[in-house]
Amino acid sequence: MIPIDRISVSDFNEKTLEGVLAEKTQHRVQWLNKHSEKILTENESNTALIGTNLPWSKTHGKVCLQEGAVSTWIGIDGHKKSSVLNQVAVFAARDQVVGIASFEMDVRALGQLMVQQAYGAKSPTRDLVQRFLDWSRDRILCYDHVGTVKVIEVYALIVKMARDYGAKFIVIDCLQMISGVCGDNEQERALMSMLVQLAKGFNIHIALVHHARKPDKGGDEYMPTRFDALGSTSISQLSSILAIVWSDKKKQRLLDQQEVGIELTAEDEEYLNRPDTRIVVAKNRHIPFEGTIALWQHESRQFTPKPGRDSMSI
């Protein structure tokens, strides 16, 4: 038999065709109506996706981090993508077990951020921290490691969290800290394929933090697009959701100037009405919404859906 990868159009006689059909049994040809049960079941499941909602009610019905899928959260360094996703994880823990593997933030800093975001507290007391820690039991898992990790380590920690602890939502922060992957298109595709297989195999959602490339011009005021993700296009292609997190650094500079008594122009004052942070949903495979979600971050580091002290709490 002629090897499959060497067959050309001229080779397709009766004998070789039968050989191809026998070897490639996964490519089944059948009338569409024969798949009625599967299609109807899929259609019903899409009307009510099972997964994790974002913490802000205005996003419900627009974005769902569905089970059996991978989302990628990209942004320029320092634009609070990890902080946004951390709040998503904390609020998801109200209803399910979540796992966080942050390779850039130690457990102490991670825990402090969680408490601030959970209660909207700028300087949480020791009692409040203890209250949160008691609440987090059997809800929040963390992988205690700062620094680079190997791919097999990522595989193992996801299996451990999902299989042994029942985690349904797992954050991997971030791709750049996984050794031997970034800059190698083949390895990036292999990693994304592994994450997708794990998500499907354990019926969980995996949220991956990833960096956007440094803009040629515009600096921090440049808002990345889906095409600005570092590395292989497989990162966005294999993600069910691609979210871009962008923090308005110009607004922060104006607030800093105002804080030290510098008088702002009327135009600058008007600019301060803009949201602090935006999540741009650039890809959303299972729900037709693609667009911008405006958020305001308070001194507590908690993100809320509108300005003012409209704080959220677990």
C-alpha atoms as a PDB file:
ATOM      1  CA  MET A   1       0.000   0.000   0.000  1.00  0.00           C
ATOM      2  CA  ILE A   2       1.225   3.491  -0.817  1.00  0.00           C
ATOM      3  CA  PRO A   3       1.858   5.511   2.391  1.00  0.00           C
ATOM      4  CA  ILE A   4      -0.959   8.002   3.038  1.00  0.00           C
ATOM      5  CA  ASP A   5       1.325  11.022   3.037  1.00  0.00           C
ATOM      6  CA  ARG A   6       2.705  10.100  -0.403  1.00  0.00           C
ATOM      7  CA  ILE A   7      -0.559   9.568  -2.268  1.00  0.00           C
ATOM      8  CA  SER A   8      -1.234  11.943  -5.161  1.00  0.00           C
ATOM      9  CA  VAL A   9      -4.337  12.326  -7.280  1.00  0.00           C
ATOM     10  CA  SER A  10      -2.906   9.993  -9.949  1.00  0.00           C
ATOM     11  CA  ASP A  11      -2.585   7.197  -7.368  1.00  0.00           C
ATOM     12  CA  PHE A  12      -6.304   7.024  -6.577  1.00  0.00           C
ATOM     13  CA  ASN A  13      -7.351   3.818  -8.251  1.00  0.00           C
ATOM     14  CA  GLU A  14      -9.810   1.368  -6.691  1.00  0.00           C
ATOM     15  CA  LYS A  15      -7.166  -0.430  -4.672  1.00  0.00           C
ATOM     16  CA  THR A  16      -5.452   2.577  -3.129  1.00  0.00           C
ATOM     17  CA  LEU A  17      -8.782   4.228  -2.347  1.00  0.00           C
ATOM     18  CA  GLU A  18      -9.924   1.203  -0.378  1.00  0.00           C
ATOM     19  CA  GLY A  19      -6.646   1.279   1.499  1.00  0.00           C
ATOM     20  CA  VAL A  20      -7.112   4.926   2.419  1.00  0.00           C
ATOM     21  CA  LEU A  21     -10.672   4.310   3.581  1.00  0.00           C
ATOM     22  CA  ALA A  22      -9.577   1.375   5.711  1.00  0.00           C
ATOM     23  CA  GLU A  23      -6.720   3.285   7.342  1.00  0.00           C
ATOM     24  CA  LYS A  24      -8.517   6.595   7.849  1.00  0.00           C
ATOM     25  CA  THR A  25     -11.624   5.232   9.565  1.00  0.00           C
ATOM     26  CA  GLN A  26     -12.094   8.423  11.614  1.00  0.00           C
ATOM     27  CA  HIS A  27     -13.204  10.225   8.458  1.00  0.00           C
ATOM     28  CA  ARG A  28     -16.701   8.754   8.278  1.00  0.00           C
ATOM     29  CA  VAL A  29     -19.036   9.743   5.448  1.00  0.00           C
ATOM     30  CA  GLN A  30     -22.708   9.605   6.398  1.00  0.00           C
ATOM     31  CA  TRP A  31     -26.012  11.374   5.735  1.00  0.00           C
ATOM     32  CA  LEU A  32     -26.453  14.387   8.017  1.00  0.00           C
ATOM     33  CA  ASN A  33     -29.783  13.201   9.427  1.00  0.00           C
ATOM     34  CA  LYS A  34     -28.038  10.102  10.796  1.00  0.00           C
ATOM     35  CA  HIS A  35     -26.442  12.438  13.354  1.00  0.00           C
ATOM     36  CA  SER A  36     -29.765  13.913  14.494  1.00  0.00           C
ATOM     37  CA  GLU A  37     -29.412  12.919  18.141  1.00  0.00           C
ATOM     38  CA  LYS A  38     -25.940  14.410  18.469  1.00  0.00           C
ATOM     39  CA  ILE A  39     -26.872  17.633  16.674  1.00  0.00           C
ATOM     40  CA  LEU A  40     -30.077  18.154  18.660  1.00  0.00           C
ATOM     41  CA  THR A  41     -28.243  17.527  21.929  1.00  0.00           C
ATOM     42  CA  GLU A  42     -25.519  19.982  20.937  1.00  0.00           C
ATOM     43  CA  ASN A  43     -28.109  22.591  19.992  1.00  0.00           C
ATOM     44  CA  GLU A  44     -29.854  22.258  23.343  1.00  0.00           C
ATOM     45  CA  SER A  45     -26.566  22.544  25.251  1.00  0.00           C
ATOM     46  CA  ASN A  46     -25.614  25.733  23.417  1.00  0.00           C
ATOM     47  CA  THR A  47     -28.751  27.503  24.619  1.00  0.00           C
ATOM     48  CA  ALA A  48     -27.489  27.239  28.204  1.00  0.00           C
ATOM     49  CA  LEU A  49     -23.740  26.859  28.288  1.00  0.00           C
ATOM     50  CA  ILE A  50     -22.336  25.231  31.397  1.00  0.00           C
ATOM     51  CA  GLY A  51     -19.360  27.084  32.752  1.00  0.00           C
ATOM     52  CA  THR A  52     -18.148  30.109  34.663  1.00  0.00           C
ATOM     53  CA  ASN A  53     -19.771  33.518  34.350  1.00  0.00           C
ATOM     54  CA  LEU A  54     -17.713  36.656  34.818  1.00  0.00           C
ATOM     55  CA  PRO A  55     -18.379  38.437  38.138  1.00  0.00           C
ATOM     56  CA  TRP A  56     -20.217  41.353  36.537  1.00  0.00           C
ATOM     57  CA  SER A  57     -23.921  40.858  35.763  1.00  0.00           C
ATOM     58  CA  LYS A  58     -23.764  43.029  32.642  1.00  0.00           C
ATOM     59  CA  THR A  59     -21.599  40.320  31.035  1.00  0.00           C
ATOM     60  CA  HIS A  60     -23.979  37.450  31.745  1.00  0.00           C
ATOM     61  CA  GLY A  61     -25.356  35.959  28.558  1.00  0.00           C
ATOM     62  CA  LYS A  62     -22.472  37.545  26.650  1.00  0.00           C
ATOM     63  CA  VAL A  63     -19.444  35.656  27.980  1.00  0.00           C
ATOM     64  CA  CYS A  64     -19.311  32.198  29.528  1.00  0.00           C
ATOM     65  CA  LEU A  65     -16.059  30.401  30.274  1.00  0.00           C
ATOM     66  CA  GLN A  66     -17.522  27.076  29.287  1.00  0.00           C
ATOM     67  CA  GLU A  67     -16.447  23.695  30.553  1.00  0.00           C
ATOM     68  CA  GLY A  68     -14.350  21.656  28.146  1.00  0.00           C
ATOM     69  CA  ALA A  69     -12.671  24.729  26.670  1.00  0.00           C
ATOM     70  CA  VAL A  70      -9.662  27.046  26.942  1.00  0.00           C
ATOM     71  CA  SER A  71      -9.693  30.841  27.088  1.00  0.00           C
ATOM     72  CA  THR A  72      -6.624  33.035  26.584  1.00  0.00           C
ATOM     73  CA  TRP A  73      -6.267  36.423  28.268  1.00  0.00           C
ATOM     74  CA  ILE A  74      -3.689  38.649  26.632  1.00  0.00           C
ATOM     75  CA  GLY A  75      -2.385  42.118  27.317  1.00  0.00           C
ATOM     76  CA  ILE A  76       0.652  44.350  27.489  1.00  0.00           C
ATOM     77  CA  ASP A  77       2.798  43.787  30.570  1.00  0.00           C
ATOM     78  CA  GLY A  78       1.377  45.710  33.530  1.00  0.00           C
ATOM     79  CA  HIS A  79      -2.156  46.060  32.180  1.00  0.00           C
ATOM     80  CA  LYS A  80      -3.773  44.027  34.997  1.00  0.00           C
ATOM     81  CA  LYS A  81      -4.790  40.930  33.082  1.00  0.00           C
ATOM     82  CA  SER A  82      -3.728  38.739  36.023  1.00  0.00           C
ATOM     83  CA  SER A  83      -5.679  40.907  38.469  1.00  0.00           C
ATOM     84  CA  VAL A  84      -8.830  40.726  36.349  1.00  0.00           C
ATOM     85  CA  LEU A  85      -8.594  36.967  36.000  1.00  0.00           C
ATOM     86  CA  ASN A  86      -7.850  36.566  39.700  1.00  0.00           C
ATOM     87  CA  GLN A  87     -11.139  38.307  40.517  1.00  0.00           C
ATOM     88  CA  VAL A  88     -12.953  36.044  38.060  1.00  0.00           C
ATOM     89  CA  ALA A  89     -11.494  33.030  39.884  1.00  0.00           C
ATOM     90  CA  VAL A  90     -12.388  34.313  43.366  1.00  0.00           C
ATOM     91  CA  PHE A  91     -16.016  34.887  42.436  1.00  0.00           C
ATOM     92  CA  ALA A  92     -16.210  31.581  40.565  1.00  0.00           C
ATOM     93  CA  ALA A  93     -15.188  29.897  43.838  1.00  0.00           C
ATOM     94  CA  ARG A  94     -18.609  30.698  45.266  1.00  0.00           C
ATOM     95  CA  ASP A  95     -20.062  27.917  43.129  1.00  0.00           C
ATOM     96  CA  GLN A  96     -17.206  25.561  42.266  1.00  0.00           C
ATOM     97  CA  VAL A  97     -13.662  24.542  43.077  1.00  0.00           C
ATOM     98  CA  VAL A  98     -11.104  26.741  41.350  1.00  0.00           C
ATOM     99  CA  GLY A  99      -7.354  26.322  40.936  1.00  0.00           C
ATOM    100  CA  ILE A 100      -4.769  29.072  40.434  1.00  0.00           C
ATOM    101  CA  ALA A 101      -1.223  28.459  39.265  1.00  0.00           C
ATOM    102  CA  SER A 102       0.539  31.810  39.290  1.00  0.00           C
ATOM    103  CA  PHE A 103       4.192  31.488  38.371  1.00  0.00           C
ATOM    104  CA  GLU A 104       4.824  35.219  38.867  1.00  0.00           C
ATOM    105  CA  MET A 105       3.092  35.958  42.194  1.00  0.00           C
ATOM    106  CA  ASP A 106       3.827  34.235  45.486  1.00  0.00           C
ATOM    107  CA  VAL A 107       1.077  32.845  47.699  1.00  0.00           C
ATOM    108  CA  ARG A 108       1.208  35.723  50.165  1.00  0.00           C
ATOM    109  CA  ALA A 109       0.696  38.375  47.481  1.00  0.00           C
ATOM    110  CA  LEU A 110      -1.920  36.247  45.730  1.00  0.00           C
ATOM    111  CA  GLY A 111      -3.874  35.739  48.955  1.00  0.00           C
ATOM    112  CA  GLN A 112      -3.768  39.446  49.789  1.00  0.00           C
ATOM    113  CA  LEU A 113      -5.128  40.329  46.345  1.00  0.00           C
ATOM    114  CA  MET A 114      -7.913  37.774  46.708  1.00  0.00           C
ATOM    115  CA  VAL A 115      -9.047  39.211  50.038  1.00  0.00           C
ATOM    116  CA  GLN A 116      -9.024  42.764  48.704  1.00  0.00           C
ATOM    117  CA  GLN A 117     -11.059  41.804  45.659  1.00  0.00           C
ATOM    118  CA  ALA A 118     -13.424  39.504  47.534  1.00  0.00           C
ATOM    119  CA  TYR A 119     -14.505  42.156  50.055  1.00  0.00           C
ATOM    120  CA  GLY A 120     -13.592  45.425  48.372  1.00  0.00           C
ATOM    121  CA  ALA A 121     -11.217  46.178  51.252  1.00  0.00           C
ATOM    122  CA  LYS A 122      -8.187  48.400  50.638  1.00  0.00           C
ATOM    123  CA  SER A 123      -6.428  47.327  53.845  1.00  0.00           C
ATOM    124  CA  PRO A 124      -8.064  44.127  55.074  1.00  0.00           C
ATOM    125  CA  THR A 125      -7.708  43.368  58.778  1.00  0.00           C
ATOM    126  CA  ARG A 126      -6.209  40.142  60.060  1.00  0.00           C
ATOM    127  CA  ASP A 127      -9.688  38.976  61.054  1.00  0.00           C
ATOM    128  CA  LEU A 128     -10.997  39.622  57.543  1.00  0.00           C
ATOM    129  CA  VAL A 129      -8.090  37.706  56.031  1.00  0.00           C
ATOM    130  CA  GLN A 130      -8.802  34.784  58.361  1.00  0.00           C
ATOM    131  CA  ARG A 131     -12.482  34.931  57.434  1.00  0.00           C
ATOM    132  CA  PHE A 132     -11.555  34.651  53.774  1.00  0.00           C
ATOM    133  CA  LEU A 133      -9.124  31.802  54.389  1.00  0.00           C
ATOM    134  CA  ASP A 134     -11.806  29.887  56.290  1.00  0.00           C
ATOM    135  CA  TRP A 135     -14.246  30.504  53.442  1.00  0.00           C
ATOM    136  CA  SER A 136     -11.702  29.384  50.830  1.00  0.00           C
ATOM    137  CA  ARG A 137     -11.350  25.894  52.320  1.00  0.00           C
ATOM    138  CA  ASP A 138     -12.456  23.300  49.733  1.00  0.00           C
ATOM    139  CA  ARG A 139     -13.004  26.149  47.246  1.00  0.00           C
ATOM    140  CA  ILE A 140      -9.640  27.581  46.150  1.00  0.00           C
ATOM    141  CA  LEU A 141      -6.518  25.617  45.258  1.00  0.00           C
ATOM    142  CA  CYS A 142      -3.139  27.203  44.564  1.00  0.00           C
ATOM    143  CA  TYR A 143       0.091  25.920  43.099  1.00  0.00           C
ATOM    144  CA  ASP A 144       2.865  27.269  45.317  1.00  0.00           C
ATOM    145  CA  HIS A 145       5.691  27.976  42.882  1.00  0.00           C
ATOM    146  CA  VAL A 146       7.232  31.155  41.499  1.00  0.00           C
ATOM    147  CA  GLY A 147       9.474  30.828  38.454  1.00  0.00           C
ATOM    148  CA  THR A 148       9.600  28.815  35.267  1.00  0.00           C
ATOM    149  CA  VAL A 149       7.980  25.397  35.003  1.00  0.00           C
ATOM    150  CA  LYS A 150       8.202  22.554  32.534  1.00  0.00           C
ATOM    151  CA  VAL A 151       5.290  21.528  30.329  1.00  0.00           C
ATOM    152  CA  ILE A 152       4.987  18.200  32.154  1.00  0.00           C
ATOM    153  CA  GLU A 153       4.647  20.120  35.432  1.00  0.00           C
ATOM    154  CA  VAL A 154       1.738  22.127  34.011  1.00  0.00           C
ATOM    155  CA  TYR A 155       0.144  18.896  32.823  1.00  0.00           C
ATOM    156  CA  ALA A 156       0.556  17.300  36.251  1.00  0.00           C
ATOM    157  CA  LEU A 157      -0.816  20.234  38.255  1.00  0.00           C
ATOM    158  CA  ILE A 158      -3.930  20.457  36.056  1.00  0.00           C
ATOM    159  CA  VAL A 159      -4.549  16.707  36.405  1.00  0.00           C
ATOM    160  CA  LYS A 160      -4.012  16.950  40.167  1.00  0.00           C
ATOM    161  CA  MET A 161      -6.407  19.861  40.585  1.00  0.00           C
ATOM    162  CA  ALA A 162      -9.096  18.456  38.297  1.00  0.00           C
ATOM    163  CA  ARG A 163      -8.927  14.739  39.078  1.00  0.00           C
ATOM    164  CA  ASP A 164      -8.020  14.740  42.770  1.00  0.00           C
ATOM    165  CA  TYR A 165      -9.690  17.931  43.991  1.00  0.00           C
ATOM    166  CA  GLY A 166     -12.553  18.402  41.535  1.00  0.00           C
ATOM    167  CA  ALA A 167     -11.492  21.805  40.218  1.00  0.00           C
ATOM    168  CA  LYS A 168     -13.710  23.043  37.383  1.00  0.00           C
ATOM    169  CA  PHE A 169     -11.950  26.348  36.647  1.00  0.00           C
ATOM    170  CA  ILE A 170      -8.141  26.543  36.481  1.00  0.00           C
ATOM    171  CA  VAL A 171      -5.964  29.609  35.830  1.00  0.00           C
ATOM    172  CA  ILE A 172      -2.474  29.205  34.333  1.00  0.00           C
ATOM    173  CA  ASP A 173      -0.499  32.438  34.747  1.00  0.00           C
ATOM    174  CA  CYS A 174       1.350  32.688  32.453  1.00  0.00           C
ATOM    175  CA  LEU A 175       2.512  31.065  29.213  1.00  0.00           C
ATOM    176  CA  GLN A 176       5.839  32.945  29.245  1.00  0.00           C
ATOM    177  CA  MET A 177       6.842  31.091  32.420  1.00  0.00           C
ATOM    178  CA  ILE A 178       6.505  27.658  30.795  1.00  0.00           C
ATOM    179  CA  SER A 179      10.015  26.751  29.664  1.00  0.00           C
ATOM    180  CA  GLY A 180      10.800  25.700  26.116  1.00  0.00           C
ATOM    181  CA  VAL A 181       7.494  26.924  24.665  1.00  0.00           C
ATOM    182  CA  CYS A 182       7.512  30.625  23.803  1.00  0.00           C
ATOM    183  CA  GLY A 183       9.131  31.439  20.489  1.00  0.00           C
ATOM    184  CA  ASP A 184       8.703  27.908  19.179  1.00  0.00           C
ATOM    185  CA  ASN A 185       5.541  27.666  17.075  1.00  0.00           C
ATOM    186  CA  GLU A 186       5.490  23.891  17.192  1.00  0.00           C
ATOM    187  CA  GLN A 187       5.793  23.805  20.977  1.00  0.00           C
ATOM    188  CA  GLU A 188       3.164  26.507  21.388  1.00  0.00           C
ATOM    189  CA  ARG A 189       0.725  24.519  19.271  1.00  0.00           C
ATOM    190  CA  ALA A 190       1.542  21.354  21.213  1.00  0.00           C
ATOM    191  CA  LEU A 191       0.953  23.126  24.538  1.00  0.00           C
ATOM    192  CA  MET A 192      -2.368  24.592  23.407  1.00  0.00           C
ATOM    193  CA  SER A 193      -3.457  21.191  22.084  1.00  0.00           C
ATOM    194  CA  MET A 194      -2.557  19.664  25.451  1.00  0.00           C
ATOM    195  CA  LEU A 195      -4.605  22.280  27.326  1.00  0.00           C
ATOM    196  CA  VAL A 196      -7.590  21.735  25.036  1.00  0.00           C
ATOM    197  CA  GLN A 197      -7.381  17.961  25.523  1.00  0.00           C
ATOM    198  CA  LEU A 198      -7.166  18.344  29.300  1.00  0.00           C
ATOM    199  CA  ALA A 199     -10.109  20.744  29.334  1.00  0.00           C
ATOM    200  CA  LYS A 200     -12.210  18.337  27.296  1.00  0.00           C
ATOM    201  CA  GLY A 201     -11.005  15.229  29.131  1.00  0.00           C
ATOM    202  CA  PHE A 202     -11.859  16.564  32.604  1.00  0.00           C
ATOM    203  CA  ASN A 203     -14.719  18.797  31.434  1.00  0.00           C
ATOM    204  CA  ILE A 204     -13.146  21.875  32.979  1.00  0.00           C
ATOM    205  CA  HIS A 205     -12.288  25.392  31.856  1.00  0.00           C
ATOM    206  CA  ILE A 206      -8.649  26.440  31.627  1.00  0.00           C
ATOM    207  CA  ALA A 207      -7.852  30.162  31.495  1.00  0.00           C
ATOM    208  CA  LEU A 208      -4.373  30.965  30.179  1.00  0.00           C
ATOM    209  CA  VAL A 209      -2.660  34.324  30.733  1.00  0.00           C
ATOM    210  CA  HIS A 210      -0.454  35.452  27.859  1.00  0.00           C
ATOM    211  CA  HIS A 211       1.426  38.587  26.846  1.00  0.00           C
ATOM    212  CA  ALA A 212       0.867  40.858  23.878  1.00  0.00           C
ATOM    213  CA  ARG A 213       3.853  41.993  21.897  1.00  0.00           C
ATOM    214  CA  LYS A 214       5.321  45.395  22.681  1.00  0.00           C
ATOM    215  CA  PRO A 215       3.691  47.962  20.370  1.00  0.00           C
ATOM    216  CA  ASP A 216       5.843  49.656  17.728  1.00  0.00           C
ATOM    217  CA  LYS A 217       4.324  53.005  18.687  1.00  0.00           C
ATOM    218  CA  GLY A 218       1.774  54.344  21.120  1.00  0.00           C
ATOM    219  CA  GLY A 219       3.287  52.676  24.170  1.00  0.00           C
ATOM    220  CA  ASP A 220       0.855  51.860  26.954  1.00  0.00           C
ATOM    221  CA  GLU A 221      -1.880  53.845  25.239  1.00  0.00           C
ATOM    222  CA  TYR A 222      -1.974  51.362  22.360  1.00  0.00           C
ATOM    223  CA  MET A 223      -4.804  48.860  22.678  1.00  0.00           C
ATOM    224  CA  PRO A 224      -3.736  45.445  21.346  1.00  0.00           C
ATOM    225  CA  THR A 225      -5.817  43.384  18.944  1.00  0.00           C
ATOM    226  CA  ARG A 226      -6.084  39.608  18.572  1.00  0.00           C
ATOM    227  CA  PHE A 227      -3.178  39.792  16.129  1.00  0.00           C
ATOM    228  CA  ASP A 228      -0.840  41.196  18.793  1.00  0.00           C
ATOM    229  CA  ALA A 229      -0.610  38.007  20.864  1.00  0.00           C
ATOM    230  CA  LEU A 230       2.999  36.903  21.061  1.00  0.00           C
ATOM    231  CA  GLY A 231       3.926  33.737  19.217  1.00  0.00           C
ATOM    232  CA  SER A 232       2.002  31.289  17.116  1.00  0.00           C
ATOM    233  CA  THR A 233      -1.478  31.919  15.754  1.00  0.00           C
ATOM    234  CA  SER A 234      -2.410  28.546  17.257  1.00  0.00           C
ATOM    235  CA  ILE A 235      -2.776  30.321  20.608  1.00  0.00           C
ATOM    236  CA  SER A 236      -5.812  32.248  19.407  1.00  0.00           C
ATOM    237  CA  GLN A 237      -6.993  29.560  17.005  1.00  0.00           C
ATOM    238  CA  LEU A 238      -7.263  26.886  19.682  1.00  0.00           C
ATOM    239  CA  SER A 239      -8.848  29.194  22.262  1.00  0.00           C
ATOM    240  CA  SER A 240     -12.622  29.253  22.568  1.00  0.00           C
ATOM    241  CA  ILE A 241     -12.414  32.771  23.973  1.00  0.00           C
ATOM    242  CA  LEU A 242      -9.721  35.364  23.367  1.00  0.00           C
ATOM    243  CA  ALA A 243      -9.914  38.305  25.777  1.00  0.00           C
ATOM    244  CA  ILE A 244      -7.691  41.376  25.653  1.00  0.00           C
ATOM    245  CA  VAL A 245      -7.204  43.251  28.926  1.00  0.00           C
ATOM    246  CA  TRP A 246      -6.205  46.896  28.606  1.00  0.00           C
ATOM    247  CA  SER A 247      -5.657  49.393  31.415  1.00  0.00           C
ATOM    248  CA  ASP A 248      -6.003  53.118  30.657  1.00  0.00           C
ATOM    249  CA  LYS A 249      -2.575  54.396  31.660  1.00  0.00           C
ATOM    250  CA  LYS A 250      -3.353  57.920  30.456  1.00  0.00           C
ATOM    251  CA  LYS A 251      -6.244  58.139  32.897  1.00  0.00           C
ATOM    252  CA  GLN A 252      -3.993  56.916  35.693  1.00  0.00           C
ATOM    253  CA  ARG A 253      -1.411  59.595  34.877  1.00  0.00           C
ATOM    254  CA  LEU A 254      -4.099  62.281  34.999  1.00  0.00           C
ATOM    255  CA  LEU A 255      -5.319  60.972  38.354  1.00  0.00           C
ATOM    256  CA  ASP A 256      -1.743  61.055  39.661  1.00  0.00           C
ATOM    257  CA  GLN A 257      -1.382  64.669  38.502  1.00  0.00           C
ATOM    258  CA  GLN A 258      -4.662  65.596  40.132  1.00  0.00           C
ATOM    259  CA  GLU A 259      -3.530  63.917  43.357  1.00  0.00           C
ATOM    260  CA  VAL A 260      -0.456  66.179  43.629  1.00  0.00           C
ATOM    261  CA  GLY A 261      -2.462  69.331  42.877  1.00  0.00           C
ATOM    262  CA  ILE A 262      -1.784  69.828  39.178  1.00  0.00           C
ATOM    263  CA  GLU A 263      -4.765  71.564  37.576  1.00  0.00           C
ATOM    264  CA  LEU A 264      -6.284  69.594  34.731  1.00  0.00           C
ATOM    265  CA  THR A 265      -7.836  71.000  31.578  1.00  0.00           C
ATOM    266  CA  ALA A 266     -11.556  70.610  30.899  1.00  0.00           C
ATOM    267  CA  GLU A 267     -10.662  67.994  28.313  1.00  0.00           C
ATOM    268  CA  ASP A 268      -8.626  66.069  30.861  1.00  0.00           C
ATOM    269  CA  GLU A 269     -11.453  66.275  33.395  1.00  0.00           C
ATOM    270  CA  GLU A 270     -13.786  64.788  30.805  1.00  0.00           C
ATOM    271  CA  TYR A 271     -11.273  62.010  30.119  1.00  0.00           C
ATOM    272  CA  LEU A 272     -11.460  60.935  33.765  1.00  0.00           C
ATOM    273  CA  ASN A 273     -15.018  59.716  33.160  1.00  0.00           C
ATOM    274  CA  ARG A 274     -13.669  56.868  31.052  1.00  0.00           C
ATOM    275  CA  PRO A 275     -13.385  53.346  32.481  1.00  0.00           C
ATOM    276  CA  ASP A 276     -10.101  52.353  34.116  1.00  0.00           C
ATOM    277  CA  THR A 277      -9.845  48.957  32.452  1.00  0.00           C
ATOM    278  CA  ARG A 278     -11.411  47.288  29.452  1.00  0.00           C
ATOM    279  CA  ILE A 279     -11.835  43.665  28.508  1.00  0.00           C
ATOM    280  CA  VAL A 280     -12.094  43.334  24.745  1.00  0.00           C
ATOM    281  CA  VAL A 281     -13.665  40.016  23.784  1.00  0.00           C
ATOM    282  CA  ALA A 282     -11.987  39.474  20.416  1.00  0.00           C
ATOM    283  CA  LYS A 283     -13.153  35.890  19.943  1.00  0.00           C
ATOM    284  CA  ASN A 284     -16.139  34.102  21.444  1.00  0.00           C
ATOM    285  CA  ARG A 285     -16.742  30.725  19.851  1.00  0.00           C
ATOM    286  CA  HIS A 286     -20.047  29.712  21.462  1.00  0.00           C
ATOM    287  CA  ILE A 287     -21.811  33.042  22.007  1.00  0.00           C
ATOM    288  CA  PRO A 288     -22.074  35.690  19.266  1.00  0.00           C
ATOM    289  CA  PHE A 289     -20.982  38.561  21.533  1.00  0.00           C
ATOM    290  CA  GLU A 290     -17.704  40.231  20.657  1.00  0.00           C
ATOM    291  CA  GLY A 291     -17.065  43.652  22.097  1.00  0.00           C
ATOM    292  CA  THR A 292     -15.799  45.726  25.009  1.00  0.00           C
ATOM    293  CA  ILE A 293     -16.557  45.344  28.718  1.00  0.00           C
ATOM    294  CA  ALA A 294     -15.838  48.501  30.715  1.00  0.00           C
ATOM    295  CA  LEU A 295     -14.598  48.174  34.306  1.00  0.00           C
ATOM    296  CA  TRP A 296     -13.561  50.515  37.103  1.00  0.00           C
ATOM    297  CA  GLN A 297     -10.884  49.521  39.613  1.00  0.00           C
ATOM    298  CA  HIS A 298     -10.969  50.899  43.138  1.00  0.00           C
ATOM    299  CA  GLU A 299      -8.260  51.346  45.768  1.00  0.00           C
ATOM    300  CA  SER A 300      -9.154  47.855  46.982  1.00  0.00           C
ATOM    301  CA  ARG A 301      -7.999  46.575  43.569  1.00  0.00           C
ATOM    302  CA  GLN A 302     -11.503  45.238  43.007  1.00  0.00           C
ATOM    303  CA  PHE A 303     -13.017  45.752  39.553  1.00  0.00           C
ATOM    304  CA  THR A 304     -16.653  46.850  39.385  1.00  0.00           C
ATOM    305  CA  PRO A 305     -19.027  47.320  36.427  1.00  0.00           C
ATOM    306  CA  LYS A 306     -19.507  51.055  37.005  1.00  0.00           C
ATOM    307  CA  PRO A 307     -17.721  53.919  38.799  1.00  0.00           C
ATOM    308  CA  GLY A 308     -18.261  54.758  42.450  1.00  0.00           C
ATOM    309  CA  ARG A 309     -18.270  52.415  45.398  1.00  0.00           C
ATOM    310  CA  ASP A 310     -20.495  49.806  43.834  1.00  0.00           C
ATOM    311  CA  SER A 311     -18.427  47.092  45.481  1.00  0.00           C
ATOM    312  CA  MET A 312     -19.042  43.385  45.125  1.00  0.00           C
ATOM    313  CA  SER A 313     -18.614  40.801  47.862  1.00  0.00           C
ATOM    314  CA  ILE A 314     -18.458  37.043  48.167  1.00  0.00           C
END
